[in-house]
């Protein structure tokens, strides 16, 4: 596997694991590798395939990040609702104790 292939594999794996810190570290390195590969293309060779692959990967990463963010937002909303129900329940429990006491 080429060095660019290793960086790309690390980037893909980090995204698949949801390790966004690692993905963030890989992204600039991946970009540099793509730039180097573009500069080293033989004359007359089309860069479109290389760029197309990079764009496809970045679009997959964008969709994964949006999905993860949406999921995290929904979980946050669920937890906030659970906390509000718990607080309401605690108040009702305290009021019942005061009435009995």
C-alpha atoms as a PDB file:
ATOM      1  CA  UNK A   1       0.000   0.000   0.000  1.00  0.00           C
ATOM      2  CA  UNK A   2       1.310   3.442  -0.874  1.00  0.00           C
ATOM      3  CA  UNK A   3       1.824   6.086   1.785  1.00  0.00           C
ATOM      4  CA  UNK A   4      -1.266   7.893   0.483  1.00  0.00           C
ATOM      5  CA  UNK A   5      -3.125   4.601   0.770  1.00  0.00           C
ATOM      6  CA  UNK A   6      -2.043   4.266   4.401  1.00  0.00           C
ATOM      7  CA  UNK A   7      -3.163   7.809   5.238  1.00  0.00           C
ATOM      8  CA  UNK A   8      -6.445   7.260   3.415  1.00  0.00           C
ATOM      9  CA  UNK A   9      -7.000   3.966   5.260  1.00  0.00           C
ATOM     10  CA  UNK A  10      -6.304   5.644   8.630  1.00  0.00           C
ATOM     11  CA  UNK A  11      -8.718   8.441   7.727  1.00  0.00           C
ATOM     12  CA  UNK A  12     -11.456   6.021   6.663  1.00  0.00           C
ATOM     13  CA  UNK A  13     -10.967   3.850   9.752  1.00  0.00           C
ATOM     14  CA  UNK A  14     -11.109   6.842  12.117  1.00  0.00           C
ATOM     15  CA  UNK A  15     -14.381   7.985  10.542  1.00  0.00           C
ATOM     16  CA  UNK A  16     -15.825   4.459  10.671  1.00  0.00           C
ATOM     17  CA  UNK A  17     -15.001   4.261  14.400  1.00  0.00           C
ATOM     18  CA  UNK A  18     -16.420   7.727  15.012  1.00  0.00           C
ATOM     19  CA  UNK A  19     -12.984   8.845  16.207  1.00  0.00           C
ATOM     20  CA  UNK A  20     -13.361  12.430  15.023  1.00  0.00           C
ATOM     21  CA  UNK A  21     -10.172  13.636  16.715  1.00  0.00           C
ATOM     22  CA  UNK A  22      -8.118  11.100  14.749  1.00  0.00           C
ATOM     23  CA  UNK A  23     -10.051  11.941  11.569  1.00  0.00           C
ATOM     24  CA  UNK A  24      -9.292  15.617  12.145  1.00  0.00           C
ATOM     25  CA  UNK A  25      -5.586  14.794  12.482  1.00  0.00           C
ATOM     26  CA  UNK A  26      -5.643  12.672   9.300  1.00  0.00           C
ATOM     27  CA  UNK A  27      -7.456  15.200   7.122  1.00  0.00           C
ATOM     28  CA  UNK A  28      -4.573  17.653   6.531  1.00  0.00           C
ATOM     29  CA  UNK A  29      -2.181  14.758   5.986  1.00  0.00           C
ATOM     30  CA  UNK A  30      -4.599  13.236   3.486  1.00  0.00           C
ATOM     31  CA  UNK A  31      -4.872  16.566   1.683  1.00  0.00           C
ATOM     32  CA  UNK A  32      -1.086  16.873   1.461  1.00  0.00           C
ATOM     33  CA  UNK A  33      -0.823  13.353   0.080  1.00  0.00           C
ATOM     34  CA  UNK A  34      -3.404  14.088  -2.605  1.00  0.00           C
ATOM     35  CA  UNK A  35      -1.540  17.288  -3.560  1.00  0.00           C
ATOM     36  CA  UNK A  36       1.746  15.397  -3.785  1.00  0.00           C
ATOM     37  CA  UNK A  37       0.187  12.680  -5.912  1.00  0.00           C
ATOM     38  CA  UNK A  38      -1.287  15.325  -8.224  1.00  0.00           C
ATOM     39  CA  UNK A  39       2.112  16.998  -8.631  1.00  0.00           C
ATOM     40  CA  UNK A  40       3.772  13.676  -9.393  1.00  0.00           C
ATOM     41  CA  UNK A  41       1.311  12.592 -12.094  1.00  0.00           C
ATOM     42  CA  UNK A  42       3.064  11.944 -15.393  1.00  0.00           C
ATOM     43  CA  UNK A  43       2.408  14.544 -18.115  1.00  0.00           C
ATOM     44  CA  UNK A  44      -0.835  13.944 -19.907  1.00  0.00           C
ATOM     45  CA  UNK A  45      -2.301  11.733 -17.181  1.00  0.00           C
ATOM     46  CA  UNK A  46      -5.761  12.819 -16.094  1.00  0.00           C
ATOM     47  CA  UNK A  47      -6.089  13.945 -12.485  1.00  0.00           C
ATOM     48  CA  UNK A  48      -9.871  13.580 -12.565  1.00  0.00           C
ATOM     49  CA  UNK A  49      -9.871  10.000 -11.247  1.00  0.00           C
ATOM     50  CA  UNK A  50      -7.667  10.887  -8.287  1.00  0.00           C
ATOM     51  CA  UNK A  51      -9.669  14.013  -7.494  1.00  0.00           C
ATOM     52  CA  UNK A  52     -12.949  12.159  -7.964  1.00  0.00           C
ATOM     53  CA  UNK A  53     -11.892   9.540  -5.433  1.00  0.00           C
ATOM     54  CA  UNK A  54     -10.831  12.218  -2.945  1.00  0.00           C
ATOM     55  CA  UNK A  55     -14.102  14.129  -3.364  1.00  0.00           C
ATOM     56  CA  UNK A  56     -16.088  10.912  -2.936  1.00  0.00           C
ATOM     57  CA  UNK A  57     -14.246  10.102   0.302  1.00  0.00           C
ATOM     58  CA  UNK A  58     -14.708  13.619   1.669  1.00  0.00           C
ATOM     59  CA  UNK A  59     -18.419  13.511   0.839  1.00  0.00           C
ATOM     60  CA  UNK A  60     -18.739  10.179   2.686  1.00  0.00           C
ATOM     61  CA  UNK A  61     -16.959  11.718   5.676  1.00  0.00           C
ATOM     62  CA  UNK A  62     -19.257  14.756   5.569  1.00  0.00           C
ATOM     63  CA  UNK A  63     -22.353  12.540   5.541  1.00  0.00           C
ATOM     64  CA  UNK A  64     -21.004  10.431   8.427  1.00  0.00           C
ATOM     65  CA  UNK A  65     -20.258  13.561  10.473  1.00  0.00           C
ATOM     66  CA  UNK A  66     -23.714  15.027   9.844  1.00  0.00           C
ATOM     67  CA  UNK A  67     -25.332  11.720  10.759  1.00  0.00           C
ATOM     68  CA  UNK A  68     -23.287  11.422  13.958  1.00  0.00           C
ATOM     69  CA  UNK A  69     -24.055  15.016  14.896  1.00  0.00           C
ATOM     70  CA  UNK A  70     -27.778  14.457  14.296  1.00  0.00           C
ATOM     71  CA  UNK A  71     -27.714  11.319  16.411  1.00  0.00           C
ATOM     72  CA  UNK A  72     -25.866  13.120  19.211  1.00  0.00           C
ATOM     73  CA  UNK A  73     -28.403  15.965  19.100  1.00  0.00           C
ATOM     74  CA  UNK A  74     -31.299  13.538  19.365  1.00  0.00           C
ATOM     75  CA  UNK A  75     -29.623  11.799  22.313  1.00  0.00           C
ATOM     76  CA  UNK A  76     -29.077  15.159  24.004  1.00  0.00           C
ATOM     77  CA  UNK A  77     -32.759  16.017  23.557  1.00  0.00           C
ATOM     78  CA  UNK A  78     -33.756  12.619  24.980  1.00  0.00           C
ATOM     79  CA  UNK A  79     -31.533  13.121  28.018  1.00  0.00           C
ATOM     80  CA  UNK A  80     -32.809  16.655  28.583  1.00  0.00           C
ATOM     81  CA  UNK A  81     -36.395  15.348  28.507  1.00  0.00           C
ATOM     82  CA  UNK A  82     -35.516  12.565  30.951  1.00  0.00           C
ATOM     83  CA  UNK A  83     -33.976  15.076  33.346  1.00  0.00           C
ATOM     84  CA  UNK A  84     -37.059  17.289  33.254  1.00  0.00           C
ATOM     85  CA  UNK A  85     -39.319  14.301  33.987  1.00  0.00           C
ATOM     86  CA  UNK A  86     -37.060  13.269  36.849  1.00  0.00           C
ATOM     87  CA  UNK A  87     -37.140  16.762  38.336  1.00  0.00           C
ATOM     88  CA  UNK A  88     -40.930  16.811  38.100  1.00  0.00           C
ATOM     89  CA  UNK A  89     -41.068  13.389  39.743  1.00  0.00           C
ATOM     90  CA  UNK A  90     -38.717  14.452  42.545  1.00  0.00           C
ATOM     91  CA  UNK A  91     -40.885  17.493  43.302  1.00  0.00           C
ATOM     92  CA  UNK A  92     -44.008  15.323  43.407  1.00  0.00           C
ATOM     93  CA  UNK A  93     -42.257  12.812  45.670  1.00  0.00           C
ATOM     94  CA  UNK A  94     -41.111  15.565  48.049  1.00  0.00           C
ATOM     95  CA  UNK A  95     -44.613  17.036  48.147  1.00  0.00           C
ATOM     96  CA  UNK A  96     -46.077  13.617  48.991  1.00  0.00           C
ATOM     97  CA  UNK A  97     -43.557  13.176  51.802  1.00  0.00           C
ATOM     98  CA  UNK A  98     -44.408  16.588  53.204  1.00  0.00           C
ATOM     99  CA  UNK A  99     -48.103  15.755  53.196  1.00  0.00           C
ATOM    100  CA  UNK A 100     -47.516  12.440  54.983  1.00  0.00           C
ATOM    101  CA  UNK A 101     -45.015  13.844  57.451  1.00  0.00           C
END
